[in-house]
């Protein structure tokens, strides 16, 4: 996931309120080249009925920085049921900032 120089639209698997979401893994590939996450910060902003921000060490784990692999971690979903949008923003070691992944996420009861 995350394969273009623009924001790729990805619908996350539906999650249930107060249940454990199993997480999802992303491979950051830009213009068919793996994008290194060495020294990068990652922030996922979820908006809808509520707002939540995840970051490295707080809901996001870099699995292989050189290989561009990171996870949205397994976690109990405490967002109220509804339709949400999200964006994943990367701040790279050189100071550049890009939003490569965005989409929707449905939380059910």
PDB file of N, CA and C in Angstrom:
ATOM      1  N   UNK A   1       0.843  -1.182   0.000  1.00  0.00           N
ATOM      2  CA  UNK A   1       0.000   0.000   0.000  1.00  0.00           C
ATOM      3  C   UNK A   1       0.885   1.241   0.000  1.00  0.00           C
ATOM      4  N   UNK A   2       0.399   2.312  -0.539  1.00  0.00           N
ATOM      5  CA  UNK A   2       1.173   3.533  -0.601  1.00  0.00           C
ATOM      6  C   UNK A   2       2.116   3.484  -1.791  1.00  0.00           C
ATOM      7  N   UNK A   3       1.605   3.491  -3.029  1.00  0.00           N
ATOM      8  CA  UNK A   3       2.430   3.214  -4.199  1.00  0.00           C
ATOM      9  C   UNK A   3       2.631   4.384  -5.145  1.00  0.00           C
ATOM     10  N   UNK A   4       2.198   5.574  -4.820  1.00  0.00           N
ATOM     11  CA  UNK A   4       2.293   6.669  -5.781  1.00  0.00           C
ATOM     12  C   UNK A   4       2.875   7.905  -5.135  1.00  0.00           C
ATOM     13  N   UNK A   5       3.208   8.889  -5.976  1.00  0.00           N
ATOM     14  CA  UNK A   5       3.765  10.136  -5.459  1.00  0.00           C
ATOM     15  C   UNK A   5       2.663  11.057  -4.931  1.00  0.00           C
ATOM     16  N   UNK A   6       1.433  10.674  -5.110  1.00  0.00           N
ATOM     17  CA  UNK A   6       0.283  11.395  -4.563  1.00  0.00           C
ATOM     18  C   UNK A   6      -0.347  10.509  -3.498  1.00  0.00           C
ATOM     19  N   UNK A   7      -1.310  11.029  -2.760  1.00  0.00           N
ATOM     20  CA  UNK A   7      -1.928  10.252  -1.681  1.00  0.00           C
ATOM     21  C   UNK A   7      -2.783   9.128  -2.262  1.00  0.00           C
ATOM     22  N   UNK A   8      -2.442   7.910  -1.891  1.00  0.00           N
ATOM     23  CA  UNK A   8      -3.228   6.757  -2.306  1.00  0.00           C
ATOM     24  C   UNK A   8      -4.428   6.633  -1.375  1.00  0.00           C
ATOM     25  N   UNK A   9      -5.603   6.354  -1.928  1.00  0.00           N
ATOM     26  CA  UNK A   9      -6.828   6.212  -1.159  1.00  0.00           C
ATOM     27  C   UNK A   9      -6.987   4.736  -0.774  1.00  0.00           C
ATOM     28  N   UNK A  10      -7.032   4.467   0.539  1.00  0.00           N
ATOM     29  CA  UNK A  10      -7.152   3.104   1.028  1.00  0.00           C
ATOM     30  C   UNK A  10      -8.255   3.055   2.076  1.00  0.00           C
ATOM     31  N   UNK A  11      -9.216   2.162   1.891  1.00  0.00           N
ATOM     32  CA  UNK A  11     -10.262   1.937   2.880  1.00  0.00           C
ATOM     33  C   UNK A  11      -9.746   0.909   3.883  1.00  0.00           C
ATOM     34  N   UNK A  12      -9.690   1.294   5.152  1.00  0.00           N
ATOM     35  CA  UNK A  12      -9.241   0.369   6.186  1.00  0.00           C
ATOM     36  C   UNK A  12     -10.320  -0.666   6.476  1.00  0.00           C
ATOM     37  N   UNK A  13      -9.919  -1.861   6.928  1.00  0.00           N
ATOM     38  CA  UNK A  13     -10.913  -2.870   7.301  1.00  0.00           C
ATOM     39  C   UNK A  13     -11.830  -2.343   8.398  1.00  0.00           C
ATOM     40  N   UNK A  14     -13.108  -2.621   8.278  1.00  0.00           N
ATOM     41  CA  UNK A  14     -14.102  -2.192   9.266  1.00  0.00           C
ATOM     42  C   UNK A  14     -13.678  -2.675  10.660  1.00  0.00           C
ATOM     43  N   UNK A  15     -13.916  -1.842  11.654  1.00  0.00           N
ATOM     44  CA  UNK A  15     -13.594  -2.193  13.035  1.00  0.00           C
ATOM     45  C   UNK A  15     -14.845  -2.014  13.884  1.00  0.00           C
ATOM     46  N   UNK A  16     -14.880  -2.705  15.016  1.00  0.00           N
ATOM     47  CA  UNK A  16     -16.028  -2.618  15.898  1.00  0.00           C
ATOM     48  C   UNK A  16     -15.657  -1.887  17.181  1.00  0.00           C
ATOM     49  N   UNK A  17     -16.528  -0.981  17.583  1.00  0.00           N
ATOM     50  CA  UNK A  17     -16.356  -0.180  18.794  1.00  0.00           C
ATOM     51  C   UNK A  17     -16.104  -1.077  20.005  1.00  0.00           C
ATOM     52  N   UNK A  18     -15.079  -0.768  20.750  1.00  0.00           N
ATOM     53  CA  UNK A  18     -14.643  -1.451  21.972  1.00  0.00           C
ATOM     54  C   UNK A  18     -14.169  -2.888  21.741  1.00  0.00           C
ATOM     55  N   UNK A  19     -13.942  -3.281  20.496  1.00  0.00           N
ATOM     56  CA  UNK A  19     -13.300  -4.546  20.172  1.00  0.00           C
ATOM     57  C   UNK A  19     -11.860  -4.261  19.758  1.00  0.00           C
ATOM     58  N   UNK A  20     -11.044  -5.308  19.739  1.00  0.00           N
ATOM     59  CA  UNK A  20      -9.656  -5.151  19.321  1.00  0.00           C
ATOM     60  C   UNK A  20      -9.557  -5.219  17.803  1.00  0.00           C
ATOM     61  N   UNK A  21      -9.050  -4.157  17.220  1.00  0.00           N
ATOM     62  CA  UNK A  21      -8.743  -4.085  15.790  1.00  0.00           C
ATOM     63  C   UNK A  21      -7.418  -4.817  15.603  1.00  0.00           C
ATOM     64  N   UNK A  22      -7.321  -5.692  14.619  1.00  0.00           N
ATOM     65  CA  UNK A  22      -6.129  -6.526  14.467  1.00  0.00           C
ATOM     66  C   UNK A  22      -4.927  -5.786  13.886  1.00  0.00           C
ATOM     67  N   UNK A  23      -5.131  -4.547  13.443  1.00  0.00           N
ATOM     68  CA  UNK A  23      -4.028  -3.776  12.875  1.00  0.00           C
ATOM     69  C   UNK A  23      -3.927  -3.977  11.376  1.00  0.00           C
ATOM     70  N   UNK A  24      -3.036  -3.213  10.764  1.00  0.00           N
ATOM     71  CA  UNK A  24      -2.821  -3.300   9.316  1.00  0.00           C
ATOM     72  C   UNK A  24      -1.381  -2.892   9.026  1.00  0.00           C
ATOM     73  N   UNK A  25      -0.788  -3.539   8.028  1.00  0.00           N
ATOM     74  CA  UNK A  25       0.596  -3.242   7.664  1.00  0.00           C
ATOM     75  C   UNK A  25       0.628  -2.499   6.325  1.00  0.00           C
ATOM     76  N   UNK A  26       1.508  -1.519   6.243  1.00  0.00           N
ATOM     77  CA  UNK A  26       1.689  -0.728   5.023  1.00  0.00           C
ATOM     78  C   UNK A  26       3.122  -0.864   4.535  1.00  0.00           C
ATOM     79  N   UNK A  27       3.275  -0.861   3.219  1.00  0.00           N
ATOM     80  CA  UNK A  27       4.577  -0.801   2.567  1.00  0.00           C
ATOM     81  C   UNK A  27       4.581   0.518   1.811  1.00  0.00           C
ATOM     82  N   UNK A  28       5.481   1.416   2.152  1.00  0.00           N
ATOM     83  CA  UNK A  28       5.507   2.716   1.485  1.00  0.00           C
ATOM     84  C   UNK A  28       6.384   2.620   0.243  1.00  0.00           C
ATOM     85  N   UNK A  29       5.721   2.630  -0.907  1.00  0.00           N
ATOM     86  CA  UNK A  29       6.391   2.553  -2.200  1.00  0.00           C
ATOM     87  C   UNK A  29       5.959   3.779  -2.997  1.00  0.00           C
ATOM     88  N   UNK A  30       6.911   4.572  -3.415  1.00  0.00           N
ATOM     89  CA  UNK A  30       6.619   5.809  -4.141  1.00  0.00           C
ATOM     90  C   UNK A  30       7.232   5.703  -5.530  1.00  0.00           C
ATOM     91  N   UNK A  31       6.382   5.815  -6.548  1.00  0.00           N
ATOM     92  CA  UNK A  31       6.818   5.686  -7.943  1.00  0.00           C
ATOM     93  C   UNK A  31       7.618   4.399  -8.150  1.00  0.00           C
ATOM     94  N   UNK A  32       7.087   3.303  -7.593  1.00  0.00           N
ATOM     95  CA  UNK A  32       7.665   1.963  -7.719  1.00  0.00           C
ATOM     96  C   UNK A  32       9.013   1.786  -7.032  1.00  0.00           C
ATOM     97  N   UNK A  33       9.354   2.686  -6.101  1.00  0.00           N
ATOM     98  CA  UNK A  33      10.595   2.589  -5.339  1.00  0.00           C
ATOM     99  C   UNK A  33      10.241   2.619  -3.853  1.00  0.00           C
ATOM    100  N   UNK A  34      10.834   1.715  -3.085  1.00  0.00           N
ATOM    101  CA  UNK A  34      10.613   1.702  -1.632  1.00  0.00           C
ATOM    102  C   UNK A  34      11.091   3.021  -1.059  1.00  0.00           C
ATOM    103  N   UNK A  35      10.253   3.637  -0.231  1.00  0.00           N
ATOM    104  CA  UNK A  35      10.591   4.914   0.418  1.00  0.00           C
ATOM    105  C   UNK A  35      11.080   4.608   1.836  1.00  0.00           C
ATOM    106  N   UNK A  36      12.304   4.951   2.126  1.00  0.00           N
ATOM    107  CA  UNK A  36      12.888   4.687   3.438  1.00  0.00           C
ATOM    108  C   UNK A  36      12.205   5.526   4.513  1.00  0.00           C
ATOM    109  N   UNK A  37      12.005   4.888   5.655  1.00  0.00           N
ATOM    110  CA  UNK A  37      11.432   5.575   6.812  1.00  0.00           C
ATOM    111  C   UNK A  37      12.496   5.844   7.882  1.00  0.00           C
ATOM    112  N   UNK A  38      13.764   5.669   7.540  1.00  0.00           N
ATOM    113  CA  UNK A  38      14.849   5.920   8.490  1.00  0.00           C
ATOM    114  C   UNK A  38      14.811   7.396   8.890  1.00  0.00           C
ATOM    115  N   UNK A  39      14.668   7.640  10.186  1.00  0.00           N
ATOM    116  CA  UNK A  39      14.629   9.013  10.702  1.00  0.00           C
ATOM    117  C   UNK A  39      13.317   9.735  10.479  1.00  0.00           C
ATOM    118  N   UNK A  40      12.306   9.035   9.975  1.00  0.00           N
ATOM    119  CA  UNK A  40      11.019   9.673   9.667  1.00  0.00           C
ATOM    120  C   UNK A  40      10.079   9.630  10.871  1.00  0.00           C
ATOM    121  N   UNK A  41       9.205  10.620  10.927  1.00  0.00           N
ATOM    122  CA  UNK A  41       8.075  10.618  11.859  1.00  0.00           C
ATOM    123  C   UNK A  41       6.836  10.294  11.042  1.00  0.00           C
ATOM    124  N   UNK A  42       5.913   9.549  11.649  1.00  0.00           N
ATOM    125  CA  UNK A  42       4.659   9.187  10.979  1.00  0.00           C
ATOM    126  C   UNK A  42       3.517   9.588  11.887  1.00  0.00           C
ATOM    127  N   UNK A  43       2.518  10.265  11.307  1.00  0.00           N
ATOM    128  CA  UNK A  43       1.349  10.680  12.083  1.00  0.00           C
ATOM    129  C   UNK A  43       0.090  10.336  11.300  1.00  0.00           C
ATOM    130  N   UNK A  44      -0.810   9.619  11.955  1.00  0.00           N
ATOM    131  CA  UNK A  44      -2.102   9.279  11.357  1.00  0.00           C
ATOM    132  C   UNK A  44      -3.171  10.079  12.096  1.00  0.00           C
ATOM    133  N   UNK A  45      -3.889  10.909  11.369  1.00  0.00           N
ATOM    134  CA  UNK A  45      -4.967  11.697  11.953  1.00  0.00           C
ATOM    135  C   UNK A  45      -6.292  11.118  11.474  1.00  0.00           C
ATOM    136  N   UNK A  46      -7.133  10.734  12.438  1.00  0.00           N
ATOM    137  CA  UNK A  46      -8.449  10.150  12.159  1.00  0.00           C
ATOM    138  C   UNK A  46      -9.487  11.187  12.555  1.00  0.00           C
ATOM    139  N   UNK A  47     -10.405  11.511  11.653  1.00  0.00           N
ATOM    140  CA  UNK A  47     -11.427  12.513  11.954  1.00  0.00           C
ATOM    141  C   UNK A  47     -12.803  12.006  11.552  1.00  0.00           C
ATOM    142  N   UNK A  48     -13.789  12.468  12.281  1.00  0.00           N
ATOM    143  CA  UNK A  48     -15.189  12.105  12.057  1.00  0.00           C
ATOM    144  C   UNK A  48     -15.972  12.586  13.256  1.00  0.00           C
ATOM    145  N   UNK A  49     -16.725  11.692  13.882  1.00  0.00           N
ATOM    146  CA  UNK A  49     -17.462  12.061  15.096  1.00  0.00           C
ATOM    147  C   UNK A  49     -16.504  12.479  16.205  1.00  0.00           C
ATOM    148  N   UNK A  50     -15.310  11.929  16.166  1.00  0.00           N
ATOM    149  CA  UNK A  50     -14.254  12.264  17.107  1.00  0.00           C
ATOM    150  C   UNK A  50     -12.969  12.428  16.316  1.00  0.00           C
ATOM    151  N   UNK A  51     -11.919  12.868  16.988  1.00  0.00           N
ATOM    152  CA  UNK A  51     -10.606  13.019  16.356  1.00  0.00           C
ATOM    153  C   UNK A  51      -9.590  12.277  17.198  1.00  0.00           C
ATOM    154  N   UNK A  52      -8.702  11.562  16.512  1.00  0.00           N
ATOM    155  CA  UNK A  52      -7.647  10.829  17.204  1.00  0.00           C
ATOM    156  C   UNK A  52      -6.385  10.907  16.358  1.00  0.00           C
ATOM    157  N   UNK A  53      -5.241  11.022  17.031  1.00  0.00           N
ATOM    158  CA  UNK A  53      -3.963  11.076  16.335  1.00  0.00           C
ATOM    159  C   UNK A  53      -3.076   9.944  16.847  1.00  0.00           C
ATOM    160  N   UNK A  54      -2.549   9.155  15.922  1.00  0.00           N
ATOM    161  CA  UNK A  54      -1.599   8.097  16.237  1.00  0.00           C
ATOM    162  C   UNK A  54      -0.227   8.512  15.720  1.00  0.00           C
ATOM    163  N   UNK A  55       0.814   8.033  16.378  1.00  0.00           N
ATOM    164  CA  UNK A  55       2.179   8.333  15.957  1.00  0.00           C
ATOM    165  C   UNK A  55       3.062   7.149  16.324  1.00  0.00           C
ATOM    166  N   UNK A  56       4.325   7.205  15.939  1.00  0.00           N
ATOM    167  CA  UNK A  56       5.255   6.130  16.272  1.00  0.00           C
ATOM    168  C   UNK A  56       5.336   6.019  17.792  1.00  0.00           C
ATOM    169  N   UNK A  57       5.126   4.824  18.293  1.00  0.00           N
ATOM    170  CA  UNK A  57       5.127   4.588  19.729  1.00  0.00           C
ATOM    171  C   UNK A  57       3.773   4.806  20.373  1.00  0.00           C
ATOM    172  N   UNK A  58       2.834   5.350  19.619  1.00  0.00           N
ATOM    173  CA  UNK A  58       1.479   5.610  20.102  1.00  0.00           C
ATOM    174  C   UNK A  58       0.471   5.128  19.056  1.00  0.00           C
ATOM    175  N   UNK A  59       0.525   3.820  18.747  1.00  0.00           N
ATOM    176  CA  UNK A  59      -0.412   3.243  17.788  1.00  0.00           C
ATOM    177  C   UNK A  59       0.183   2.938  16.434  1.00  0.00           C
ATOM    178  N   UNK A  60       1.428   3.391  16.192  1.00  0.00           N
ATOM    179  CA  UNK A  60       2.125   3.104  14.937  1.00  0.00           C
ATOM    180  C   UNK A  60       3.500   2.531  15.283  1.00  0.00           C
ATOM    181  N   UNK A  61       3.887   1.471  14.568  1.00  0.00           N
ATOM    182  CA  UNK A  61       5.199   0.862  14.759  1.00  0.00           C
ATOM    183  C   UNK A  61       5.899   0.749  13.407  1.00  0.00           C
ATOM    184  N   UNK A  62       7.139   1.211  13.343  1.00  0.00           N
ATOM    185  CA  UNK A  62       7.954   1.001  12.152  1.00  0.00           C
ATOM    186  C   UNK A  62       8.544  -0.401  12.267  1.00  0.00           C
ATOM    187  N   UNK A  63       8.250  -1.244  11.293  1.00  0.00           N
ATOM    188  CA  UNK A  63       8.685  -2.641  11.292  1.00  0.00           C
ATOM    189  C   UNK A  63      10.047  -2.782  10.617  1.00  0.00           C
ATOM    190  N   UNK A  64      10.235  -2.087   9.501  1.00  0.00           N
ATOM    191  CA  UNK A  64      11.480  -2.129   8.743  1.00  0.00           C
ATOM    192  C   UNK A  64      11.658  -0.755   8.114  1.00  0.00           C
ATOM    193  N   UNK A  65      12.427   0.105   8.770  1.00  0.00           N
ATOM    194  CA  UNK A  65      12.568   1.499   8.316  1.00  0.00           C
ATOM    195  C   UNK A  65      13.162   1.575   6.911  1.00  0.00           C
ATOM    196  N   UNK A  66      14.226   0.836   6.654  1.00  0.00           N
ATOM    197  CA  UNK A  66      14.852   0.871   5.337  1.00  0.00           C
ATOM    198  C   UNK A  66      13.966   0.304   4.244  1.00  0.00           C
ATOM    199  N   UNK A  67      13.095  -0.626   4.632  1.00  0.00           N
ATOM    200  CA  UNK A  67      12.181  -1.243   3.673  1.00  0.00           C
ATOM    201  C   UNK A  67      10.849  -0.535   3.556  1.00  0.00           C
ATOM    202  N   UNK A  68      10.649   0.566   4.297  1.00  0.00           N
ATOM    203  CA  UNK A  68       9.416   1.347   4.202  1.00  0.00           C
ATOM    204  C   UNK A  68       8.192   0.662   4.774  1.00  0.00           C
ATOM    205  N   UNK A  69       8.388  -0.234   5.755  1.00  0.00           N
ATOM    206  CA  UNK A  69       7.266  -1.008   6.293  1.00  0.00           C
ATOM    207  C   UNK A  69       6.901  -0.502   7.685  1.00  0.00           C
ATOM    208  N   UNK A  70       5.606  -0.216   7.874  1.00  0.00           N
ATOM    209  CA  UNK A  70       5.111   0.199   9.188  1.00  0.00           C
ATOM    210  C   UNK A  70       3.720  -0.375   9.417  1.00  0.00           C
ATOM    211  N   UNK A  71       3.339  -0.438  10.681  1.00  0.00           N
ATOM    212  CA  UNK A  71       2.033  -0.977  11.073  1.00  0.00           C
ATOM    213  C   UNK A  71       1.195   0.078  11.770  1.00  0.00           C
ATOM    214  N   UNK A  72      -0.103   0.022  11.530  1.00  0.00           N
ATOM    215  CA  UNK A  72      -1.064   0.606  12.453  1.00  0.00           C
ATOM    216  C   UNK A  72      -1.333  -0.547  13.408  1.00  0.00           C
ATOM    217  N   UNK A  73      -0.969  -0.384  14.661  1.00  0.00           N
ATOM    218  CA  UNK A  73      -0.955  -1.476  15.623  1.00  0.00           C
ATOM    219  C   UNK A  73      -2.345  -1.990  15.970  1.00  0.00           C
ATOM    220  N   UNK A  74      -2.373  -3.254  16.424  1.00  0.00           N
ATOM    221  CA  UNK A  74      -3.589  -3.808  17.010  1.00  0.00           C
ATOM    222  C   UNK A  74      -3.929  -2.962  18.237  1.00  0.00           C
ATOM    223  N   UNK A  75      -5.206  -2.653  18.414  1.00  0.00           N
ATOM    224  CA  UNK A  75      -5.621  -1.803  19.524  1.00  0.00           C
ATOM    225  C   UNK A  75      -7.127  -1.887  19.718  1.00  0.00           C
ATOM    226  N   UNK A  76      -7.562  -1.603  20.930  1.00  0.00           N
ATOM    227  CA  UNK A  76      -8.996  -1.534  21.213  1.00  0.00           C
ATOM    228  C   UNK A  76      -9.510  -0.226  20.617  1.00  0.00           C
ATOM    229  N   UNK A  77     -10.573  -0.318  19.841  1.00  0.00           N
ATOM    230  CA  UNK A  77     -11.129   0.854  19.171  1.00  0.00           C
ATOM    231  C   UNK A  77     -12.100   1.570  20.105  1.00  0.00           C
ATOM    232  N   UNK A  78     -11.730   2.785  20.495  1.00  0.00           N
ATOM    233  CA  UNK A  78     -12.579   3.566  21.397  1.00  0.00           C
ATOM    234  C   UNK A  78     -13.216   4.767  20.698  1.00  0.00           C
ATOM    235  N   UNK A  79     -13.177   4.787  19.376  1.00  0.00           N
ATOM    236  CA  UNK A  79     -13.891   5.823  18.617  1.00  0.00           C
ATOM    237  C   UNK A  79     -15.352   5.414  18.510  1.00  0.00           C
ATOM    238  N   UNK A  80     -16.245   6.371  18.721  1.00  0.00           N
ATOM    239  CA  UNK A  80     -17.677   6.074  18.606  1.00  0.00           C
ATOM    240  C   UNK A  80     -18.007   5.552  17.210  1.00  0.00           C
ATOM    241  N   UNK A  81     -18.994   4.662  17.103  1.00  0.00           N
ATOM    242  CA  UNK A  81     -19.375   4.136  15.794  1.00  0.00           C
ATOM    243  C   UNK A  81     -19.725   5.267  14.815  1.00  0.00           C
ATOM    244  N   UNK A  82     -19.249   5.116  13.600  1.00  0.00           N
ATOM    245  CA  UNK A  82     -19.516   6.103  12.560  1.00  0.00           C
ATOM    246  C   UNK A  82     -18.525   5.955  11.422  1.00  0.00           C
ATOM    247  N   UNK A  83     -18.614   6.872  10.484  1.00  0.00           N
ATOM    248  CA  UNK A  83     -17.718   6.899   9.335  1.00  0.00           C
ATOM    249  C   UNK A  83     -16.629   7.934   9.573  1.00  0.00           C
ATOM    250  N   UNK A  84     -15.395   7.526   9.389  1.00  0.00           N
ATOM    251  CA  UNK A  84     -14.240   8.384   9.639  1.00  0.00           C
ATOM    252  C   UNK A  84     -13.391   8.491   8.382  1.00  0.00           C
ATOM    253  N   UNK A  85     -12.618   9.549   8.320  1.00  0.00           N
ATOM    254  CA  UNK A  85     -11.580   9.679   7.306  1.00  0.00           C
ATOM    255  C   UNK A  85     -10.249   9.733   8.046  1.00  0.00           C
ATOM    256  N   UNK A  86      -9.197   9.415   7.341  1.00  0.00           N
ATOM    257  CA  UNK A  86      -7.873   9.475   7.954  1.00  0.00           C
ATOM    258  C   UNK A  86      -6.857   9.902   6.901  1.00  0.00           C
ATOM    259  N   UNK A  87      -5.730  10.395   7.396  1.00  0.00           N
ATOM    260  CA  UNK A  87      -4.584  10.652   6.538  1.00  0.00           C
ATOM    261  C   UNK A  87      -3.337  10.267   7.306  1.00  0.00           C
ATOM    262  N   UNK A  88      -2.350   9.756   6.576  1.00  0.00           N
ATOM    263  CA  UNK A  88      -1.079   9.393   7.185  1.00  0.00           C
ATOM    264  C   UNK A  88      -0.016  10.308   6.585  1.00  0.00           C
ATOM    265  N   UNK A  89       0.561  11.126   7.450  1.00  0.00           N
ATOM    266  CA  UNK A  89       1.533  12.135   7.043  1.00  0.00           C
ATOM    267  C   UNK A  89       2.926  11.696   7.505  1.00  0.00           C
ATOM    268  N   UNK A  90       3.898  11.859   6.633  1.00  0.00           N
ATOM    269  CA  UNK A  90       5.279  11.478   6.898  1.00  0.00           C
ATOM    270  C   UNK A  90       6.142  12.731   6.924  1.00  0.00           C
ATOM    271  N   UNK A  91       6.954  12.863   7.958  1.00  0.00           N
ATOM    272  CA  UNK A  91       7.964  13.911   8.013  1.00  0.00           C
ATOM    273  C   UNK A  91       9.301  13.194   7.935  1.00  0.00           C
ATOM    274  N   UNK A  92       9.999  13.389   6.833  1.00  0.00           N
ATOM    275  CA  UNK A  92      11.232  12.662   6.566  1.00  0.00           C
ATOM    276  C   UNK A  92      12.442  13.357   7.182  1.00  0.00           C
ATOM    277  N   UNK A  93      13.542  12.621   7.269  1.00  0.00           N
ATOM    278  CA  UNK A  93      14.765  13.126   7.905  1.00  0.00           C
ATOM    279  C   UNK A  93      15.270  14.409   7.249  1.00  0.00           C
ATOM    280  N   UNK A  94      14.980  14.602   5.955  1.00  0.00           N
ATOM    281  CA  UNK A  94      15.433  15.815   5.265  1.00  0.00           C
ATOM    282  C   UNK A  94      14.505  17.006   5.507  1.00  0.00           C
ATOM    283  N   UNK A  95      13.437  16.795   6.330  1.00  0.00           N
ATOM    284  CA  UNK A  95      12.497  17.875   6.646  1.00  0.00           C
ATOM    285  C   UNK A  95      11.282  17.936   5.732  1.00  0.00           C
ATOM    286  N   UNK A  96      11.285  17.153   4.663  1.00  0.00           N
ATOM    287  CA  UNK A  96      10.132  17.180   3.759  1.00  0.00           C
ATOM    288  C   UNK A  96       8.941  16.474   4.418  1.00  0.00           C
ATOM    289  N   UNK A  97       7.752  16.953   4.085  1.00  0.00           N
ATOM    290  CA  UNK A  97       6.514  16.423   4.650  1.00  0.00           C
ATOM    291  C   UNK A  97       5.605  16.013   3.494  1.00  0.00           C
ATOM    292  N   UNK A  98       5.107  14.766   3.556  1.00  0.00           N
ATOM    293  CA  UNK A  98       4.217  14.268   2.504  1.00  0.00           C
ATOM    294  C   UNK A  98       3.094  13.457   3.115  1.00  0.00           C
ATOM    295  N   UNK A  99       1.899  13.593   2.538  1.00  0.00           N
ATOM    296  CA  UNK A  99       0.770  12.736   2.873  1.00  0.00           C
ATOM    297  C   UNK A  99       0.642  11.737   1.734  1.00  0.00           C
ATOM    298  N   UNK A 100       1.088  10.495   1.986  1.00  0.00           N
ATOM    299  CA  UNK A 100       1.072   9.483   0.937  1.00  0.00           C
ATOM    300  C   UNK A 100      -0.134   8.559   1.008  1.00  0.00           C
ATOM    301  N   UNK A 101      -0.798   8.510   2.177  1.00  0.00           N
ATOM    302  CA  UNK A 101      -1.907   7.567   2.343  1.00  0.00           C
ATOM    303  C   UNK A 101      -3.066   8.281   3.030  1.00  0.00           C
ATOM    304  N   UNK A 102      -4.270   8.085   2.509  1.00  0.00           N
ATOM    305  CA  UNK A 102      -5.477   8.614   3.128  1.00  0.00           C
ATOM    306  C   UNK A 102      -6.630   7.698   2.763  1.00  0.00           C
ATOM    307  N   UNK A 103      -7.745   7.889   3.457  1.00  0.00           N
ATOM    308  CA  UNK A 103      -8.892   7.050   3.129  1.00  0.00           C
ATOM    309  C   UNK A 103     -10.008   7.141   4.144  1.00  0.00           C
ATOM    310  N   UNK A 104     -10.790   6.077   4.194  1.00  0.00           N
ATOM    311  CA  UNK A 104     -11.948   6.028   5.076  1.00  0.00           C
ATOM    312  C   UNK A 104     -11.849   4.819   5.991  1.00  0.00           C
ATOM    313  N   UNK A 105     -12.602   4.902   7.093  1.00  0.00           N
ATOM    314  CA  UNK A 105     -12.613   3.818   8.083  1.00  0.00           C
ATOM    315  C   UNK A 105     -13.971   3.817   8.761  1.00  0.00           C
ATOM    316  N   UNK A 106     -14.655   2.701   8.684  1.00  0.00           N
ATOM    317  CA  UNK A 106     -15.973   2.581   9.304  1.00  0.00           C
ATOM    318  C   UNK A 106     -15.835   1.849  10.631  1.00  0.00           C
ATOM    319  N   UNK A 107     -16.364   2.473  11.680  1.00  0.00           N
ATOM    320  CA  UNK A 107     -16.412   1.867  13.017  1.00  0.00           C
ATOM    321  C   UNK A 107     -17.875   1.510  13.273  1.00  0.00           C
ATOM    322  N   UNK A 108     -18.120   0.237  13.597  1.00  0.00           N
ATOM    323  CA  UNK A 108     -19.486  -0.224  13.844  1.00  0.00           C
ATOM    324  C   UNK A 108     -19.706  -0.486  15.323  1.00  0.00           C
ATOM    325  N   UNK A 109     -20.932  -0.758  15.684  1.00  0.00           N
ATOM    326  CA  UNK A 109     -21.304  -1.061  17.058  1.00  0.00           C
ATOM    327  C   UNK A 109     -21.086  -2.508  17.373  1.00  0.00           C
TER     328      UNK A 109
END
